[in-house]
Amino acid sequence: MSLAVKKEPVTIEQLRDIFRLTDVSGVHDVFAEAYSNLQATYMRAQRTAAESSEKELWADRIQALRRFRRNLGAADSESLMSAIVMIQTERIAFEQLLD
């Protein structure tokens, strides 16, 4: 499942359907992709943001996500699915700020 072109966050129910047939490593892979997509969007936002206060807000969000990701190192698949939804929501919010 690729999250790169999603304009709406994937839901936990959709992820449960997808991962019902896979192991937890599949969830980790999608989590990593979602986080990577968010990072790419953040870098774009950082380059194009006009006001420093916006940059600080975005930087704070990314820092919070980095801490969150560190804490999920040994998380169960349900926690990772929740994280994927949250990360996708943040990425979409960044994209909307850029439009």
PDB file of N, CA and C in Angstrom:
ATOM      1  N   MET A   1       0.840  -1.182   0.000  1.00  0.00           N
ATOM      2  CA  MET A   1       0.000   0.000   0.000  1.00  0.00           C
ATOM      3  C   MET A   1       0.878   1.236   0.000  1.00  0.00           C
ATOM      4  N   SER A   2       0.687   2.112  -0.956  1.00  0.00           N
ATOM      5  CA  SER A   2       1.466   3.339  -1.007  1.00  0.00           C
ATOM      6  C   SER A   2       0.620   4.501  -0.499  1.00  0.00           C
ATOM      7  N   LEU A   3       1.233   5.337   0.321  1.00  0.00           N
ATOM      8  CA  LEU A   3       0.537   6.483   0.887  1.00  0.00           C
ATOM      9  C   LEU A   3       0.951   7.786   0.229  1.00  0.00           C
ATOM     10  N   ALA A   4       1.822   7.726  -0.756  1.00  0.00           N
ATOM     11  CA  ALA A   4       2.434   8.926  -1.322  1.00  0.00           C
ATOM     12  C   ALA A   4       1.426   9.883  -1.943  1.00  0.00           C
ATOM     13  N   VAL A   5       0.380   9.385  -2.573  1.00  0.00           N
ATOM     14  CA  VAL A   5      -0.532  10.272  -3.285  1.00  0.00           C
ATOM     15  C   VAL A   5      -1.868  10.455  -2.577  1.00  0.00           C
ATOM     16  N   LYS A   6      -1.987   9.939  -1.379  1.00  0.00           N
ATOM     17  CA  LYS A   6      -3.236  10.067  -0.621  1.00  0.00           C
ATOM     18  C   LYS A   6      -3.484  11.533  -0.267  1.00  0.00           C
ATOM     19  N   LYS A   7      -4.700  11.999  -0.492  1.00  0.00           N
ATOM     20  CA  LYS A   7      -5.077  13.360  -0.112  1.00  0.00           C
ATOM     21  C   LYS A   7      -5.910  13.356   1.160  1.00  0.00           C
ATOM     22  N   GLU A   8      -6.340  12.190   1.611  1.00  0.00           N
ATOM     23  CA  GLU A   8      -7.056  12.043   2.864  1.00  0.00           C
ATOM     24  C   GLU A   8      -6.350  10.995   3.691  1.00  0.00           C
ATOM     25  N   PRO A   9      -6.349  11.151   5.003  1.00  0.00           N
ATOM     26  CA  PRO A   9      -5.665  10.158   5.830  1.00  0.00           C
ATOM     27  C   PRO A   9      -6.299   8.782   5.678  1.00  0.00           C
ATOM     28  N   VAL A  10      -5.458   7.796   5.684  1.00  0.00           N
ATOM     29  CA  VAL A  10      -5.945   6.422   5.696  1.00  0.00           C
ATOM     30  C   VAL A  10      -6.557   6.185   7.071  1.00  0.00           C
ATOM     31  N   THR A  11      -7.599   5.368   7.144  1.00  0.00           N
ATOM     32  CA  THR A  11      -8.239   5.120   8.436  1.00  0.00           C
ATOM     33  C   THR A  11      -7.672   3.855   9.069  1.00  0.00           C
ATOM     34  N   ILE A  12      -7.845   3.752  10.371  1.00  0.00           N
ATOM     35  CA  ILE A  12      -7.388   2.554  11.072  1.00  0.00           C
ATOM     36  C   ILE A  12      -8.128   1.333  10.531  1.00  0.00           C
ATOM     37  N   GLU A  13      -9.407   1.487  10.207  1.00  0.00           N
ATOM     38  CA  GLU A  13     -10.167   0.359   9.661  1.00  0.00           C
ATOM     39  C   GLU A  13      -9.567  -0.119   8.338  1.00  0.00           C
ATOM     40  N   GLN A  14      -9.185   0.823   7.477  1.00  0.00           N
ATOM     41  CA  GLN A  14      -8.543   0.437   6.212  1.00  0.00           C
ATOM     42  C   GLN A  14      -7.233  -0.288   6.473  1.00  0.00           C
ATOM     43  N   LEU A  15      -6.459   0.209   7.423  1.00  0.00           N
ATOM     44  CA  LEU A  15      -5.187  -0.437   7.742  1.00  0.00           C
ATOM     45  C   LEU A  15      -5.402  -1.828   8.318  1.00  0.00           C
ATOM     46  N   ARG A  16      -6.401  -1.975   9.167  1.00  0.00           N
ATOM     47  CA  ARG A  16      -6.684  -3.310   9.713  1.00  0.00           C
ATOM     48  C   ARG A  16      -6.998  -4.294   8.592  1.00  0.00           C
ATOM     49  N   ASP A  17      -7.801  -3.852   7.609  1.00  0.00           N
ATOM     50  CA  ASP A  17      -8.123  -4.722   6.479  1.00  0.00           C
ATOM     51  C   ASP A  17      -6.870  -5.113   5.710  1.00  0.00           C
ATOM     52  N   ILE A  18      -6.003  -4.154   5.485  1.00  0.00           N
ATOM     53  CA  ILE A  18      -4.781  -4.417   4.724  1.00  0.00           C
ATOM     54  C   ILE A  18      -3.859  -5.365   5.475  1.00  0.00           C
ATOM     55  N   PHE A  19      -3.685  -5.124   6.775  1.00  0.00           N
ATOM     56  CA  PHE A  19      -2.697  -5.878   7.540  1.00  0.00           C
ATOM     57  C   PHE A  19      -3.236  -7.174   8.139  1.00  0.00           C
ATOM     58  N   ARG A  20      -4.498  -7.442   7.950  1.00  0.00           N
ATOM     59  CA  ARG A  20      -5.050  -8.694   8.450  1.00  0.00           C
ATOM     60  C   ARG A  20      -4.292  -9.885   7.852  1.00  0.00           C
ATOM     61  N   LEU A  21      -3.808  -9.729   6.642  1.00  0.00           N
ATOM     62  CA  LEU A  21      -3.118 -10.818   5.956  1.00  0.00           C
ATOM     63  C   LEU A  21      -1.598 -10.709   6.016  1.00  0.00           C
ATOM     64  N   THR A  22      -1.098  -9.694   6.711  1.00  0.00           N
ATOM     65  CA  THR A  22       0.349  -9.520   6.782  1.00  0.00           C
ATOM     66  C   THR A  22       0.813  -9.555   8.222  1.00  0.00           C
ATOM     67  N   ASP A  23       2.110  -9.525   8.408  1.00  0.00           N
ATOM     68  CA  ASP A  23       2.649  -9.500   9.767  1.00  0.00           C
ATOM     69  C   ASP A  23       2.939  -8.068  10.194  1.00  0.00           C
ATOM     70  N   VAL A  24       3.415  -7.912  11.408  1.00  0.00           N
ATOM     71  CA  VAL A  24       3.667  -6.581  11.960  1.00  0.00           C
ATOM     72  C   VAL A  24       4.724  -5.831  11.154  1.00  0.00           C
ATOM     73  N   SER A  25       5.644  -6.522  10.527  1.00  0.00           N
ATOM     74  CA  SER A  25       6.671  -5.825   9.745  1.00  0.00           C
ATOM     75  C   SER A  25       6.040  -5.017   8.615  1.00  0.00           C
ATOM     76  N   GLY A  26       4.924  -5.482   8.075  1.00  0.00           N
ATOM     77  CA  GLY A  26       4.220  -4.714   7.051  1.00  0.00           C
ATOM     78  C   GLY A  26       3.714  -3.393   7.599  1.00  0.00           C
ATOM     79  N   VAL A  27       3.242  -3.415   8.835  1.00  0.00           N
ATOM     80  CA  VAL A  27       2.787  -2.183   9.474  1.00  0.00           C
ATOM     81  C   VAL A  27       3.969  -1.232   9.653  1.00  0.00           C
ATOM     82  N   HIS A  28       5.105  -1.770  10.073  1.00  0.00           N
ATOM     83  CA  HIS A  28       6.309  -0.944  10.239  1.00  0.00           C
ATOM     84  C   HIS A  28       6.714  -0.307   8.913  1.00  0.00           C
ATOM     85  N   ASP A  29       6.618  -1.056   7.818  1.00  0.00           N
ATOM     86  CA  ASP A  29       6.980  -0.519   6.505  1.00  0.00           C
ATOM     87  C   ASP A  29       6.084   0.648   6.117  1.00  0.00           C
ATOM     88  N   VAL A  30       4.781   0.511   6.324  1.00  0.00           N
ATOM     89  CA  VAL A  30       3.859   1.588   5.973  1.00  0.00           C
ATOM     90  C   VAL A  30       4.070   2.779   6.892  1.00  0.00           C
ATOM     91  N   PHE A  31       4.348   2.520   8.173  1.00  0.00           N
ATOM     92  CA  PHE A  31       4.654   3.607   9.097  1.00  0.00           C
ATOM     93  C   PHE A  31       5.873   4.378   8.607  1.00  0.00           C
ATOM     94  N   ALA A  32       6.911   3.668   8.209  1.00  0.00           N
ATOM     95  CA  ALA A  32       8.131   4.323   7.726  1.00  0.00           C
ATOM     96  C   ALA A  32       7.843   5.139   6.476  1.00  0.00           C
ATOM     97  N   GLU A  33       7.020   4.614   5.574  1.00  0.00           N
ATOM     98  CA  GLU A  33       6.679   5.364   4.366  1.00  0.00           C
ATOM     99  C   GLU A  33       5.879   6.620   4.706  1.00  0.00           C
ATOM    100  N   ALA A  34       4.915   6.493   5.604  1.00  0.00           N
ATOM    101  CA  ALA A  34       4.108   7.651   5.997  1.00  0.00           C
ATOM    102  C   ALA A  34       4.981   8.725   6.624  1.00  0.00           C
ATOM    103  N   TYR A  35       5.899   8.313   7.479  1.00  0.00           N
ATOM    104  CA  TYR A  35       6.794   9.267   8.129  1.00  0.00           C
ATOM    105  C   TYR A  35       7.710   9.923   7.098  1.00  0.00           C
ATOM    106  N   SER A  36       8.213   9.152   6.165  1.00  0.00           N
ATOM    107  CA  SER A  36       9.074   9.688   5.114  1.00  0.00           C
ATOM    108  C   SER A  36       8.323  10.702   4.247  1.00  0.00           C
ATOM    109  N   ASN A  37       7.081  10.387   3.904  1.00  0.00           N
ATOM    110  CA  ASN A  37       6.265  11.319   3.122  1.00  0.00           C
ATOM    111  C   ASN A  37       6.051  12.622   3.873  1.00  0.00           C
ATOM    112  N   LEU A  38       5.812  12.520   5.173  1.00  0.00           N
ATOM    113  CA  LEU A  38       5.635  13.715   5.987  1.00  0.00           C
ATOM    114  C   LEU A  38       6.919  14.531   6.016  1.00  0.00           C
ATOM    115  N   GLN A  39       8.051  13.866   6.156  1.00  0.00           N
ATOM    116  CA  GLN A  39       9.332  14.571   6.166  1.00  0.00           C
ATOM    117  C   GLN A  39       9.548  15.324   4.857  1.00  0.00           C
ATOM    118  N   ALA A  40       9.234  14.697   3.739  1.00  0.00           N
ATOM    119  CA  ALA A  40       9.406  15.351   2.433  1.00  0.00           C
ATOM    120  C   ALA A  40       8.509  16.584   2.329  1.00  0.00           C
ATOM    121  N   THR A  41       7.272  16.452   2.798  1.00  0.00           N
ATOM    122  CA  THR A  41       6.358  17.590   2.769  1.00  0.00           C
ATOM    123  C   THR A  41       6.860  18.698   3.675  1.00  0.00           C
ATOM    124  N   TYR A  42       7.366  18.321   4.834  1.00  0.00           N
ATOM    125  CA  TYR A  42       7.910  19.312   5.768  1.00  0.00           C
ATOM    126  C   TYR A  42       9.074  20.062   5.137  1.00  0.00           C
ATOM    127  N   MET A  43       9.965  19.355   4.466  1.00  0.00           N
ATOM    128  CA  MET A  43      11.106  20.020   3.830  1.00  0.00           C
ATOM    129  C   MET A  43      10.621  21.012   2.778  1.00  0.00           C
ATOM    130  N   ARG A  44       9.618  20.635   2.028  1.00  0.00           N
ATOM    131  CA  ARG A  44       9.047  21.544   1.033  1.00  0.00           C
ATOM    132  C   ARG A  44       8.435  22.765   1.731  1.00  0.00           C
ATOM    133  N   ALA A  45       7.719  22.522   2.813  1.00  0.00           N
ATOM    134  CA  ALA A  45       7.094  23.614   3.559  1.00  0.00           C
ATOM    135  C   ALA A  45       8.145  24.555   4.124  1.00  0.00           C
ATOM    136  N   GLN A  46       9.197  23.972   4.634  1.00  0.00           N
ATOM    137  CA  GLN A  46      10.265  24.780   5.216  1.00  0.00           C
ATOM    138  C   GLN A  46      10.899  25.689   4.167  1.00  0.00           C
ATOM    139  N   ARG A  47      11.062  25.182   2.953  1.00  0.00           N
ATOM    140  CA  ARG A  47      11.668  25.976   1.883  1.00  0.00           C
ATOM    141  C   ARG A  47      10.754  27.098   1.402  1.00  0.00           C
ATOM    142  N   THR A  48       9.439  26.888   1.494  1.00  0.00           N
ATOM    143  CA  THR A  48       8.527  27.863   0.902  1.00  0.00           C
ATOM    144  C   THR A  48       7.792  28.733   1.924  1.00  0.00           C
ATOM    145  N   ALA A  49       7.929  28.446   3.193  1.00  0.00           N
ATOM    146  CA  ALA A  49       7.225  29.240   4.210  1.00  0.00           C
ATOM    147  C   ALA A  49       7.748  30.667   4.218  1.00  0.00           C
ATOM    148  N   ALA A  50       6.847  31.596   4.312  1.00  0.00           N
ATOM    149  CA  ALA A  50       7.243  33.005   4.271  1.00  0.00           C
ATOM    150  C   ALA A  50       7.513  33.583   5.660  1.00  0.00           C
ATOM    151  N   GLU A  51       6.826  33.098   6.672  1.00  0.00           N
ATOM    152  CA  GLU A  51       6.954  33.684   8.009  1.00  0.00           C
ATOM    153  C   GLU A  51       7.657  32.718   8.952  1.00  0.00           C
ATOM    154  N   SER A  52       8.575  33.248   9.741  1.00  0.00           N
ATOM    155  CA  SER A  52       9.336  32.404  10.654  1.00  0.00           C
ATOM    156  C   SER A  52       8.443  31.749  11.705  1.00  0.00           C
ATOM    157  N   SER A  53       7.369  32.399  12.111  1.00  0.00           N
ATOM    158  CA  SER A  53       6.472  31.785  13.101  1.00  0.00           C
ATOM    159  C   SER A  53       5.864  30.505  12.545  1.00  0.00           C
ATOM    160  N   GLU A  54       5.554  30.472  11.259  1.00  0.00           N
ATOM    161  CA  GLU A  54       5.050  29.245  10.647  1.00  0.00           C
ATOM    162  C   GLU A  54       6.130  28.172  10.640  1.00  0.00           C
ATOM    163  N   LYS A  55       7.342  28.551  10.324  1.00  0.00           N
ATOM    164  CA  LYS A  55       8.438  27.588  10.317  1.00  0.00           C
ATOM    165  C   LYS A  55       8.615  26.973  11.696  1.00  0.00           C
ATOM    166  N   GLU A  56       8.519  27.812  12.734  1.00  0.00           N
ATOM    167  CA  GLU A  56       8.664  27.298  14.098  1.00  0.00           C
ATOM    168  C   GLU A  56       7.546  26.325  14.437  1.00  0.00           C
ATOM    169  N   LEU A  57       6.331  26.630  14.011  1.00  0.00           N
ATOM    170  CA  LEU A  57       5.202  25.738  14.249  1.00  0.00           C
ATOM    171  C   LEU A  57       5.442  24.400  13.566  1.00  0.00           C
ATOM    172  N   TRP A  58       5.871  24.431  12.316  1.00  0.00           N
ATOM    173  CA  TRP A  58       6.139  23.185  11.588  1.00  0.00           C
ATOM    174  C   TRP A  58       7.274  22.418  12.235  1.00  0.00           C
ATOM    175  N   ALA A  59       8.323  23.126  12.634  1.00  0.00           N
ATOM    176  CA  ALA A  59       9.455  22.456  13.283  1.00  0.00           C
ATOM    177  C   ALA A  59       9.015  21.788  14.580  1.00  0.00           C
ATOM    178  N   ASP A  60       8.151  22.458  15.342  1.00  0.00           N
ATOM    179  CA  ASP A  60       7.635  21.865  16.580  1.00  0.00           C
ATOM    180  C   ASP A  60       6.842  20.593  16.290  1.00  0.00           C
ATOM    181  N   ARG A  61       6.042  20.604  15.237  1.00  0.00           N
ATOM    182  CA  ARG A  61       5.268  19.417  14.880  1.00  0.00           C
ATOM    183  C   ARG A  61       6.185  18.251  14.517  1.00  0.00           C
ATOM    184  N   ILE A  62       7.202  18.545  13.718  1.00  0.00           N
ATOM    185  CA  ILE A  62       8.128  17.484  13.318  1.00  0.00           C
ATOM    186  C   ILE A  62       8.879  16.951  14.527  1.00  0.00           C
ATOM    187  N   GLN A  63       9.298  17.821  15.425  1.00  0.00           N
ATOM    188  CA  GLN A  63       9.981  17.360  16.637  1.00  0.00           C
ATOM    189  C   GLN A  63       9.077  16.431  17.449  1.00  0.00           C
ATOM    190  N   ALA A  64       7.808  16.800  17.570  1.00  0.00           N
ATOM    191  CA  ALA A  64       6.862  15.956  18.302  1.00  0.00           C
ATOM    192  C   ALA A  64       6.727  14.598  17.623  1.00  0.00           C
ATOM    193  N   LEU A  65       6.693  14.594  16.297  1.00  0.00           N
ATOM    194  CA  LEU A  65       6.602  13.330  15.570  1.00  0.00           C
ATOM    195  C   LEU A  65       7.864  12.487  15.730  1.00  0.00           C
ATOM    196  N   ARG A  66       9.009  13.126  15.760  1.00  0.00           N
ATOM    197  CA  ARG A  66      10.257  12.375  15.969  1.00  0.00           C
ATOM    198  C   ARG A  66      10.266  11.705  17.334  1.00  0.00           C
ATOM    199  N   ARG A  67       9.842  12.444  18.359  1.00  0.00           N
ATOM    200  CA  ARG A  67       9.766  11.850  19.704  1.00  0.00           C
ATOM    201  C   ARG A  67       8.768  10.699  19.715  1.00  0.00           C
ATOM    202  N   PHE A  68       7.645  10.916  19.062  1.00  0.00           N
ATOM    203  CA  PHE A  68       6.610   9.892  18.984  1.00  0.00           C
ATOM    204  C   PHE A  68       7.145   8.638  18.298  1.00  0.00           C
ATOM    205  N   ARG A  69       7.863   8.832  17.199  1.00  0.00           N
ATOM    206  CA  ARG A  69       8.406   7.693  16.465  1.00  0.00           C
ATOM    207  C   ARG A  69       9.417   6.922  17.318  1.00  0.00           C
ATOM    208  N   ARG A  70      10.275   7.635  18.035  1.00  0.00           N
ATOM    209  CA  ARG A  70      11.240   6.978  18.919  1.00  0.00           C
ATOM    210  C   ARG A  70      10.531   6.105  19.950  1.00  0.00           C
ATOM    211  N   ASN A  71       9.443   6.636  20.496  1.00  0.00           N
ATOM    212  CA  ASN A  71       8.697   5.901  21.507  1.00  0.00           C
ATOM    213  C   ASN A  71       7.979   4.676  20.935  1.00  0.00           C
ATOM    214  N   LEU A  72       7.789   4.650  19.635  1.00  0.00           N
ATOM    215  CA  LEU A  72       7.087   3.535  19.005  1.00  0.00           C
ATOM    216  C   LEU A  72       8.018   2.412  18.564  1.00  0.00           C
ATOM    217  N   GLY A  73       9.280   2.509  18.913  1.00  0.00           N
ATOM    218  CA  GLY A  73      10.240   1.510  18.469  1.00  0.00           C
ATOM    219  C   GLY A  73       9.805   0.075  18.683  1.00  0.00           C
ATOM    220  N   ALA A  74       9.199  -0.205  19.814  1.00  0.00           N
ATOM    221  CA  ALA A  74       8.761  -1.563  20.120  1.00  0.00           C
ATOM    222  C   ALA A  74       7.242  -1.635  20.241  1.00  0.00           C
ATOM    223  N   ALA A  75       6.544  -0.732  19.591  1.00  0.00           N
ATOM    224  CA  ALA A  75       5.096  -0.659  19.721  1.00  0.00           C
ATOM    225  C   ALA A  75       4.403  -1.808  19.008  1.00  0.00           C
ATOM    226  N   ASP A  76       3.188  -2.073  19.441  1.00  0.00           N
ATOM    227  CA  ASP A  76       2.388  -3.088  18.770  1.00  0.00           C
ATOM    228  C   ASP A  76       1.791  -2.507  17.488  1.00  0.00           C
ATOM    229  N   SER A  77       1.219  -3.373  16.670  1.00  0.00           N
ATOM    230  CA  SER A  77       0.719  -2.925  15.369  1.00  0.00           C
ATOM    231  C   SER A  77      -0.445  -1.948  15.510  1.00  0.00           C
ATOM    232  N   GLU A  78      -1.260  -2.089  16.539  1.00  0.00           N
ATOM    233  CA  GLU A  78      -2.386  -1.167  16.732  1.00  0.00           C
ATOM    234  C   GLU A  78      -1.876   0.252  16.985  1.00  0.00           C
ATOM    235  N   SER A  79      -0.830   0.397  17.778  1.00  0.00           N
ATOM    236  CA  SER A  79      -0.243   1.714  18.036  1.00  0.00           C
ATOM    237  C   SER A  79       0.362   2.298  16.766  1.00  0.00           C
ATOM    238  N   LEU A  80       0.998   1.449  15.980  1.00  0.00           N
ATOM    239  CA  LEU A  80       1.583   1.931  14.726  1.00  0.00           C
ATOM    240  C   LEU A  80       0.496   2.383  13.760  1.00  0.00           C
ATOM    241  N   MET A  81      -0.612   1.669  13.705  1.00  0.00           N
ATOM    242  CA  MET A  81      -1.695   2.078  12.816  1.00  0.00           C
ATOM    243  C   MET A  81      -2.251   3.436  13.247  1.00  0.00           C
ATOM    244  N   SER A  82      -2.382   3.661  14.532  1.00  0.00           N
ATOM    245  CA  SER A  82      -2.823   4.975  15.021  1.00  0.00           C
ATOM    246  C   SER A  82      -1.821   6.053  14.626  1.00  0.00           C
ATOM    247  N   ALA A  83      -0.548   5.721  14.715  1.00  0.00           N
ATOM    248  CA  ALA A  83       0.494   6.675  14.338  1.00  0.00           C
ATOM    249  C   ALA A  83       0.432   7.006  12.853  1.00  0.00           C
ATOM    250  N   ILE A  84       0.170   6.017  12.021  1.00  0.00           N
ATOM    251  CA  ILE A  84       0.067   6.250  10.576  1.00  0.00           C
ATOM    252  C   ILE A  84      -1.056   7.247  10.288  1.00  0.00           C
ATOM    253  N   VAL A  85      -2.193   7.064  10.926  1.00  0.00           N
ATOM    254  CA  VAL A  85      -3.320   7.978  10.726  1.00  0.00           C
ATOM    255  C   VAL A  85      -2.935   9.393  11.159  1.00  0.00           C
ATOM    256  N   MET A  86      -2.299   9.522  12.306  1.00  0.00           N
ATOM    257  CA  MET A  86      -1.894  10.837  12.809  1.00  0.00           C
ATOM    258  C   MET A  86      -0.880  11.488  11.877  1.00  0.00           C
ATOM    259  N   ILE A  87       0.077  10.726  11.416  1.00  0.00           N
ATOM    260  CA  ILE A  87       1.110  11.267  10.526  1.00  0.00           C
ATOM    261  C   ILE A  87       0.502  11.707   9.200  1.00  0.00           C
ATOM    262  N   GLN A  88      -0.389  10.894   8.641  1.00  0.00           N
ATOM    263  CA  GLN A  88      -1.033  11.270   7.386  1.00  0.00           C
ATOM    264  C   GLN A  88      -1.838  12.561   7.561  1.00  0.00           C
ATOM    265  N   THR A  89      -2.511  12.702   8.686  1.00  0.00           N
ATOM    266  CA  THR A  89      -3.285  13.916   8.962  1.00  0.00           C
ATOM    267  C   THR A  89      -2.366  15.129   9.017  1.00  0.00           C
ATOM    268  N   GLU A  90      -1.221  14.986   9.664  1.00  0.00           N
ATOM    269  CA  GLU A  90      -0.251  16.089   9.731  1.00  0.00           C
ATOM    270  C   GLU A  90       0.282  16.436   8.344  1.00  0.00           C
ATOM    271  N   ARG A  91       0.587  15.430   7.539  1.00  0.00           N
ATOM    272  CA  ARG A  91       1.116  15.688   6.195  1.00  0.00           C
ATOM    273  C   ARG A  91       0.100  16.463   5.371  1.00  0.00           C
ATOM    274  N   ILE A  92      -1.150  16.057   5.450  1.00  0.00           N
ATOM    275  CA  ILE A  92      -2.194  16.747   4.694  1.00  0.00           C
ATOM    276  C   ILE A  92      -2.338  18.193   5.184  1.00  0.00           C
ATOM    277  N   ALA A  93      -2.228  18.395   6.491  1.00  0.00           N
ATOM    278  CA  ALA A  93      -2.287  19.766   7.026  1.00  0.00           C
ATOM    279  C   ALA A  93      -1.143  20.608   6.478  1.00  0.00           C
ATOM    280  N   PHE A  94       0.052  20.032   6.394  1.00  0.00           N
ATOM    281  CA  PHE A  94       1.187  20.757   5.814  1.00  0.00           C
ATOM    282  C   PHE A  94       0.914  21.104   4.356  1.00  0.00           C
ATOM    283  N   GLU A  95       0.411  20.135   3.604  1.00  0.00           N
ATOM    284  CA  GLU A  95       0.133  20.365   2.185  1.00  0.00           C
ATOM    285  C   GLU A  95      -0.879  21.505   2.013  1.00  0.00           C
ATOM    286  N   GLN A  96      -1.885  21.555   2.868  1.00  0.00           N
ATOM    287  CA  GLN A  96      -2.887  22.614   2.775  1.00  0.00           C
ATOM    288  C   GLN A  96      -2.284  23.975   3.089  1.00  0.00           C
ATOM    289  N   LEU A  97      -1.346  24.017   4.009  1.00  0.00           N
ATOM    290  CA  LEU A  97      -0.672  25.288   4.313  1.00  0.00           C
ATOM    291  C   LEU A  97       0.137  25.783   3.119  1.00  0.00           C
ATOM    292  N   LEU A  98       0.615  24.860   2.307  1.00  0.00           N
ATOM    293  CA  LEU A  98       1.431  25.233   1.153  1.00  0.00           C
ATOM    294  C   LEU A  98       0.601  25.703  -0.034  1.00  0.00           C
ATOM    295  N   ASP A  99      -0.673  25.331  -0.061  1.00  0.00           N
ATOM    296  CA  ASP A  99      -1.533  25.707  -1.195  1.00  0.00           C
ATOM    297  C   ASP A  99      -1.978  27.142  -1.119  1.00  0.00           C
TER     298      ASP A  99
END
